[in-house]
């Protein structure tokens, strides 16, 4: 009986993780899409303003960089979720255990990297509160806040990827299917 309860809880946990992951992905997609849209609008406004009216929009450079960086970092979180970052195949597919081991090592390296991005990105963002953007007079923290924010999501997805890779390795070892 306790095993049945544990399995039921495992199913509930899996469903909760899927819901959380889905919500995170929707948030990341919204932020990335909004940032790309704002970036395009600002660049178009800047081009028209400079070429048609001969009026430069000095603030547009800084603001477009903010939106571009936010789009890149939150787009990266989505890419981590879908394992869409670049991948180098060192061994043929028949070396499934070796490839799975490398995936686990890459997941662990990602966890360290994303932890560092959260820790030092946060510190950098806090430092940016004291410095203002020259053209817009807003804290430069807005430029950097996307680093720790998106790294939290990347860390979440990498931990899930690691769990999936460990399960895959366990299945490979049980089945002794490949080298």
Foldseek 3Di string as FASTA:
>chain_A
DVVVVVVVVVVVVVVVLVVVLVVLLVVLVVLLVVLVVVLVVLVVVQVCCCPVVVDHQVVSVVSSLLSVLLNVLSVVLNCLLVVNPDDDDPDDVQAVLVVLVVLLVVLVVLLVVLVCQQVVLVVVLVVQCVDADPRPRHRCSSSRVSRNVSSVSSNSSSVVSNVVSVVVNVVCVVVVRHD
